[in-house]
């Protein structure tokens, strides 16, 4: 299964331009901001992701910590590092991640970051 086959939930720190980009690609996106859920605790977003079988897209490292320490078993998490990257850089990172042939086993965490104009991707299947 490819990443583009999954449904996504975007954390409140994912910019509107990124949401628009993902929607244009035809991805099924549940955006926390558009649903009026800003300020929702991370554990509730994890619960929602589990219930709806969605991948969490975030720039918040706390999701990875919660994923490991609390026993949550969401489908997966894509963590864009470092946090608060501008939207054009996030789009570049996601374009690379979504087009990369990644061997995924659910649950998984993908950490992706832009280093010297090159996207570095690390995958951890759990």
C-alpha atoms as a PDB file:
ATOM      1  CA  UNK A   1       0.000   0.000   0.000  1.00  0.00           C
ATOM      2  CA  UNK A   2       1.324   3.460  -0.879  1.00  0.00           C
ATOM      3  CA  UNK A   3       1.063   6.490   1.372  1.00  0.00           C
ATOM      4  CA  UNK A   4      -1.359   8.159  -1.030  1.00  0.00           C
ATOM      5  CA  UNK A   5      -3.813   5.283  -0.421  1.00  0.00           C
ATOM      6  CA  UNK A   6      -4.200   6.243   3.244  1.00  0.00           C
ATOM      7  CA  UNK A   7      -6.469   8.798   4.899  1.00  0.00           C
ATOM      8  CA  UNK A   8      -4.798  11.625   6.853  1.00  0.00           C
ATOM      9  CA  UNK A   9      -5.486  13.803   9.864  1.00  0.00           C
ATOM     10  CA  UNK A  10      -3.524  17.050   9.935  1.00  0.00           C
ATOM     11  CA  UNK A  11      -2.488  18.592  13.215  1.00  0.00           C
ATOM     12  CA  UNK A  12      -3.225  22.276  13.823  1.00  0.00           C
ATOM     13  CA  UNK A  13       0.400  23.185  13.038  1.00  0.00           C
ATOM     14  CA  UNK A  14       0.051  22.145   9.386  1.00  0.00           C
ATOM     15  CA  UNK A  15      -0.476  25.271   7.296  1.00  0.00           C
ATOM     16  CA  UNK A  16      -3.547  25.897   5.127  1.00  0.00           C
ATOM     17  CA  UNK A  17      -1.402  25.994   1.946  1.00  0.00           C
ATOM     18  CA  UNK A  18      -0.188  22.476   2.776  1.00  0.00           C
ATOM     19  CA  UNK A  19      -3.779  21.275   3.343  1.00  0.00           C
ATOM     20  CA  UNK A  20      -4.775  22.789  -0.013  1.00  0.00           C
ATOM     21  CA  UNK A  21      -1.845  21.027  -1.719  1.00  0.00           C
ATOM     22  CA  UNK A  22      -2.789  17.652  -0.236  1.00  0.00           C
ATOM     23  CA  UNK A  23      -6.438  18.152  -1.181  1.00  0.00           C
ATOM     24  CA  UNK A  24      -5.475  18.965  -4.787  1.00  0.00           C
ATOM     25  CA  UNK A  25      -3.560  15.672  -4.835  1.00  0.00           C
ATOM     26  CA  UNK A  26      -6.857  13.975  -4.033  1.00  0.00           C
ATOM     27  CA  UNK A  27      -5.936  12.824  -0.534  1.00  0.00           C
ATOM     28  CA  UNK A  28      -8.606  12.286   2.125  1.00  0.00           C
ATOM     29  CA  UNK A  29      -7.743  14.997   4.669  1.00  0.00           C
ATOM     30  CA  UNK A  30      -9.325  15.650   8.060  1.00  0.00           C
ATOM     31  CA  UNK A  31      -7.868  18.998   9.154  1.00  0.00           C
ATOM     32  CA  UNK A  32      -8.053  19.809  12.854  1.00  0.00           C
ATOM     33  CA  UNK A  33      -8.312  23.568  12.133  1.00  0.00           C
ATOM     34  CA  UNK A  34     -11.027  23.285   9.492  1.00  0.00           C
ATOM     35  CA  UNK A  35     -13.065  21.120  11.867  1.00  0.00           C
ATOM     36  CA  UNK A  36     -12.798  23.759  14.626  1.00  0.00           C
ATOM     37  CA  UNK A  37     -10.755  21.483  16.890  1.00  0.00           C
ATOM     38  CA  UNK A  38      -7.756  23.754  17.571  1.00  0.00           C
ATOM     39  CA  UNK A  39      -6.386  23.136  21.031  1.00  0.00           C
ATOM     40  CA  UNK A  40      -7.506  19.511  21.083  1.00  0.00           C
ATOM     41  CA  UNK A  41      -5.084  17.505  23.245  1.00  0.00           C
ATOM     42  CA  UNK A  42      -2.708  15.244  21.331  1.00  0.00           C
ATOM     43  CA  UNK A  43      -4.111  12.093  22.944  1.00  0.00           C
ATOM     44  CA  UNK A  44      -7.586  12.952  21.599  1.00  0.00           C
ATOM     45  CA  UNK A  45      -6.155  13.452  18.107  1.00  0.00           C
ATOM     46  CA  UNK A  46      -4.424  10.074  18.442  1.00  0.00           C
ATOM     47  CA  UNK A  47      -7.761   8.536  19.499  1.00  0.00           C
ATOM     48  CA  UNK A  48      -9.470  10.055  16.472  1.00  0.00           C
ATOM     49  CA  UNK A  49      -6.711   8.836  14.146  1.00  0.00           C
ATOM     50  CA  UNK A  50      -7.079   5.310  15.545  1.00  0.00           C
ATOM     51  CA  UNK A  51     -10.892   5.372  15.249  1.00  0.00           C
ATOM     52  CA  UNK A  52     -10.800   6.578  11.645  1.00  0.00           C
ATOM     53  CA  UNK A  53      -7.652   4.683  10.585  1.00  0.00           C
ATOM     54  CA  UNK A  54      -5.838   7.889   9.599  1.00  0.00           C
ATOM     55  CA  UNK A  55      -2.167   8.835   9.404  1.00  0.00           C
ATOM     56  CA  UNK A  56      -1.296  11.833  11.567  1.00  0.00           C
ATOM     57  CA  UNK A  57       0.623  14.581   9.778  1.00  0.00           C
ATOM     58  CA  UNK A  58       2.330  16.905  12.245  1.00  0.00           C
ATOM     59  CA  UNK A  59       5.277  19.153  13.045  1.00  0.00           C
ATOM     60  CA  UNK A  60       4.917  18.288  16.748  1.00  0.00           C
ATOM     61  CA  UNK A  61       7.408  15.748  18.113  1.00  0.00           C
ATOM     62  CA  UNK A  62       5.111  14.985  21.062  1.00  0.00           C
ATOM     63  CA  UNK A  63       3.031  12.671  18.874  1.00  0.00           C
ATOM     64  CA  UNK A  64       5.960  10.303  18.469  1.00  0.00           C
ATOM     65  CA  UNK A  65       6.582  10.311  22.201  1.00  0.00           C
ATOM     66  CA  UNK A  66       2.903   9.647  22.947  1.00  0.00           C
ATOM     67  CA  UNK A  67       2.858   6.946  20.297  1.00  0.00           C
ATOM     68  CA  UNK A  68       5.656   5.038  22.045  1.00  0.00           C
ATOM     69  CA  UNK A  69       4.887   5.692  25.705  1.00  0.00           C
ATOM     70  CA  UNK A  70       1.103   5.567  25.873  1.00  0.00           C
ATOM     71  CA  UNK A  71       0.470   2.421  23.877  1.00  0.00           C
ATOM     72  CA  UNK A  72      -1.524   4.206  21.171  1.00  0.00           C
ATOM     73  CA  UNK A  73      -1.351   2.316  17.927  1.00  0.00           C
ATOM     74  CA  UNK A  74      -2.394   4.737  15.220  1.00  0.00           C
ATOM     75  CA  UNK A  75      -1.903   3.646  11.619  1.00  0.00           C
ATOM     76  CA  UNK A  76       1.076   5.938  11.317  1.00  0.00           C
ATOM     77  CA  UNK A  77       2.603   9.326  11.912  1.00  0.00           C
ATOM     78  CA  UNK A  78       4.447  11.581   9.507  1.00  0.00           C
ATOM     79  CA  UNK A  79       6.533  14.016  11.507  1.00  0.00           C
ATOM     80  CA  UNK A  80       7.983  16.984   9.612  1.00  0.00           C
ATOM     81  CA  UNK A  81      11.134  18.288  11.317  1.00  0.00           C
ATOM     82  CA  UNK A  82      12.061  20.691  12.612  1.00  0.00           C
ATOM     83  CA  UNK A  83       8.754  22.115  13.763  1.00  0.00           C
ATOM     84  CA  UNK A  84       7.364  25.316  12.293  1.00  0.00           C
ATOM     85  CA  UNK A  85       8.876  24.928   8.820  1.00  0.00           C
ATOM     86  CA  UNK A  86       7.342  27.271   6.228  1.00  0.00           C
ATOM     87  CA  UNK A  87       4.624  25.884   3.962  1.00  0.00           C
ATOM     88  CA  UNK A  88       6.716  25.744   0.768  1.00  0.00           C
ATOM     89  CA  UNK A  89       9.331  23.622   2.558  1.00  0.00           C
ATOM     90  CA  UNK A  90       6.650  21.345   4.041  1.00  0.00           C
ATOM     91  CA  UNK A  91       5.158  20.868   0.562  1.00  0.00           C
ATOM     92  CA  UNK A  92       8.591  19.999  -0.839  1.00  0.00           C
ATOM     93  CA  UNK A  93       9.127  17.489   1.972  1.00  0.00           C
ATOM     94  CA  UNK A  94       5.683  15.918   1.535  1.00  0.00           C
ATOM     95  CA  UNK A  95       6.022  15.755  -2.231  1.00  0.00           C
ATOM     96  CA  UNK A  96       9.191  13.713  -1.767  1.00  0.00           C
ATOM     97  CA  UNK A  97       7.712  11.506   0.969  1.00  0.00           C
ATOM     98  CA  UNK A  98       4.501  10.802  -0.964  1.00  0.00           C
ATOM     99  CA  UNK A  99       6.392   9.903  -4.143  1.00  0.00           C
ATOM    100  CA  UNK A 100       9.015   7.750  -2.423  1.00  0.00           C
ATOM    101  CA  UNK A 101       8.503   4.000  -2.592  1.00  0.00           C
ATOM    102  CA  UNK A 102       8.518   3.286   1.138  1.00  0.00           C
ATOM    103  CA  UNK A 103       8.062  -0.221   2.491  1.00  0.00           C
ATOM    104  CA  UNK A 104       5.539   0.334   5.282  1.00  0.00           C
ATOM    105  CA  UNK A 105       4.288  -1.938   7.983  1.00  0.00           C
ATOM    106  CA  UNK A 106       1.491  -0.583  10.145  1.00  0.00           C
ATOM    107  CA  UNK A 107       2.025   1.041  12.603  1.00  0.00           C
ATOM    108  CA  UNK A 108       4.862   3.286  11.444  1.00  0.00           C
ATOM    109  CA  UNK A 109       6.495   6.637  11.998  1.00  0.00           C
ATOM    110  CA  UNK A 110       8.082   8.612   9.187  1.00  0.00           C
ATOM    111  CA  UNK A 111      10.402  11.455  10.113  1.00  0.00           C
ATOM    112  CA  UNK A 112      11.177  13.780   7.217  1.00  0.00           C
ATOM    113  CA  UNK A 113      13.249  16.922   7.102  1.00  0.00           C
ATOM    114  CA  UNK A 114      14.822  19.262   4.596  1.00  0.00           C
ATOM    115  CA  UNK A 115      18.610  19.424   4.978  1.00  0.00           C
ATOM    116  CA  UNK A 116      20.589  21.565   2.543  1.00  0.00           C
ATOM    117  CA  UNK A 117      17.740  21.439   0.008  1.00  0.00           C
ATOM    118  CA  UNK A 118      17.553  17.628   0.166  1.00  0.00           C
ATOM    119  CA  UNK A 119      14.806  15.678   1.896  1.00  0.00           C
ATOM    120  CA  UNK A 120      15.965  13.124   4.440  1.00  0.00           C
ATOM    121  CA  UNK A 121      13.437  10.388   5.270  1.00  0.00           C
ATOM    122  CA  UNK A 122      13.625   7.923   8.138  1.00  0.00           C
ATOM    123  CA  UNK A 123      11.034   5.187   8.588  1.00  0.00           C
ATOM    124  CA  UNK A 124      10.417   3.183  11.686  1.00  0.00           C
ATOM    125  CA  UNK A 125       8.019   0.280  11.383  1.00  0.00           C
ATOM    126  CA  UNK A 126       6.795  -0.781  14.821  1.00  0.00           C
END
